[in-house]
Amino acid sequence: EVQLMESGGGLVQPGGSLRLSCAASGFSVGPSAMDWFRQAPGKGLEWVSTIYAGGKRTYAAAMKGRFTISRDNAKNTLYLQMNSLKSEDTAVYYCMYGEHRGQGTQVTVSS
């Protein structure tokens, strides 16, 4: 059974950083394409970033240069390093594997 569990969210000031984690079970993150999405209050699901099986990484324009997606095959965990956070980054962040999604982790950027 595929399971995804996000963690690492919290309250951070504008300009700050957070690292989100997504612990996976039921499959191996290494040879898999995986995504980060987010959902801001009152808005739909927004794609953030994808890491492909071969290692290629892609980012939404608003996150490029600030966010970095990575994975640790030994820990079977996906990460999202978020720097230079802005208030508009406030959202629930989800990792996804195909149609599978975790419960999400809340990120709030506020002074």
Protein backbone atom coordinates (compact mmCIF):
# COMPACT_ATOMS: atom_id res chain seq x y z
CA GLU A 1 0.00 0.00 0.00
CA VAL A 2 1.34 3.40 -1.02
CA GLN A 3 1.55 5.85 1.86
CA LEU A 4 2.94 9.38 1.94
CA MET A 5 3.46 11.43 5.08
CA GLU A 6 4.51 15.08 4.90
CA SER A 7 6.13 16.98 7.74
CA GLY A 8 8.21 20.07 8.36
CA GLY A 9 5.62 22.79 7.92
CA GLY A 10 5.13 25.63 10.36
CA LEU A 11 5.06 29.36 10.87
CA VAL A 12 7.96 31.32 9.39
CA GLN A 13 8.64 35.00 8.80
CA PRO A 14 8.92 36.42 5.28
CA GLY A 15 12.39 35.74 3.93
CA GLY A 16 12.77 32.65 6.06
CA SER A 17 13.29 29.02 5.12
CA LEU A 18 11.67 25.66 5.73
CA ARG A 19 12.42 22.13 4.61
CA LEU A 20 9.47 19.85 4.00
CA SER A 21 9.81 16.08 4.11
CA CYS A 22 7.64 13.37 2.62
CA ALA A 23 8.25 9.90 3.99
CA ALA A 24 7.13 7.28 1.49
CA SER A 25 6.22 3.64 1.93
CA GLY A 26 4.91 0.97 -0.39
CA PHE A 27 7.22 2.00 -3.26
CA SER A 28 10.74 3.35 -3.83
CA VAL A 29 11.19 7.08 -4.38
CA GLY A 30 14.43 6.59 -6.30
CA PRO A 31 13.08 5.31 -9.60
CA SER A 32 9.85 7.28 -9.34
CA ALA A 33 8.62 10.64 -10.53
CA MET A 34 7.22 12.57 -7.61
CA ASP A 35 5.65 15.98 -7.18
CA TRP A 36 4.99 18.70 -4.68
CA PHE A 37 1.70 20.57 -4.91
CA ARG A 38 0.17 23.20 -2.68
CA GLN A 39 -3.25 24.60 -1.92
CA ALA A 40 -3.69 28.10 -0.58
CA PRO A 41 -6.85 29.06 1.35
CA GLY A 42 -9.79 29.36 -1.00
CA LYS A 43 -7.75 28.29 -4.04
CA GLY A 44 -7.25 25.14 -6.08
CA LEU A 45 -4.36 22.74 -6.10
CA GLU A 46 -1.21 24.33 -7.56
CA TRP A 47 1.77 22.40 -8.93
CA VAL A 48 5.07 23.35 -7.29
CA SER A 49 7.77 20.98 -8.48
CA THR A 50 8.55 17.55 -9.95
CA ILE A 51 11.57 15.28 -9.71
CA TYR A 52 11.81 12.61 -12.35
CA ALA A 53 13.26 9.12 -12.19
CA GLY A 54 16.41 10.23 -14.02
CA GLY A 55 16.94 13.16 -11.67
CA LYS A 56 15.58 15.99 -13.80
CA ARG A 57 13.82 18.65 -11.72
CA THR A 58 11.22 21.16 -12.80
CA TYR A 59 9.63 24.05 -10.95
CA ALA A 60 6.72 26.41 -11.32
CA ALA A 61 7.91 29.85 -12.36
CA ALA A 62 6.99 31.45 -9.03
CA MET A 63 9.16 28.97 -7.11
CA LYS A 64 12.15 28.67 -9.44
CA GLY A 65 15.34 29.83 -7.74
CA ARG A 66 13.77 29.70 -4.29
CA PHE A 67 12.65 26.07 -3.91
CA THR A 68 14.69 22.89 -4.37
CA ILE A 69 13.23 19.40 -4.68
CA SER A 70 15.38 16.43 -3.74
CA ARG A 71 15.17 12.87 -2.47
CA ASP A 72 17.09 10.50 -0.24
CA ASN A 73 16.80 7.00 -1.61
CA ALA A 74 18.19 5.41 1.56
CA LYS A 75 15.53 7.11 3.68
CA ASN A 76 12.89 6.74 0.95
CA THR A 77 12.00 10.37 1.50
CA LEU A 78 11.23 13.33 -0.76
CA TYR A 79 12.17 16.85 0.30
CA LEU A 80 11.31 20.42 -0.60
CA GLN A 81 13.75 23.09 0.55
CA MET A 82 12.01 26.45 0.52
CA ASN A 83 14.02 29.66 0.83
CA SER A 84 13.13 33.34 0.61
CA LEU A 85 9.57 32.55 1.61
CA LYS A 86 6.82 35.05 0.86
CA SER A 87 3.35 35.49 2.29
CA GLU A 88 1.91 34.13 -0.93
CA ASP A 89 3.66 30.82 -0.25
CA THR A 90 1.21 30.22 2.61
CA ALA A 91 -0.59 26.98 1.78
CA VAL A 92 -0.97 23.33 2.63
CA TYR A 93 1.81 21.45 0.84
CA TYR A 94 1.32 17.93 -0.46
CA CYS A 95 3.66 15.40 -1.94
CA MET A 96 2.22 13.21 -4.66
CA TYR A 97 3.07 9.92 -6.33
CA GLY A 98 0.74 9.37 -9.25
CA GLU A 99 -2.73 9.82 -7.82
CA HIS A 100 -1.56 9.20 -4.26
CA ARG A 101 -1.33 12.18 -1.93
CA GLY A 102 -0.36 12.62 1.68
CA GLN A 103 -2.33 14.48 4.33
CA GLY A 104 -0.36 17.66 3.74
CA THR A 105 1.65 19.99 5.94
CA GLN A 106 0.69 23.60 6.65
CA VAL A 107 3.15 26.36 5.79
CA THR A 108 2.31 29.84 7.04
CA VAL A 109 4.50 32.78 6.09
CA SER A 110 3.70 35.79 8.23
CA SER A 111 5.37 38.42 10.34
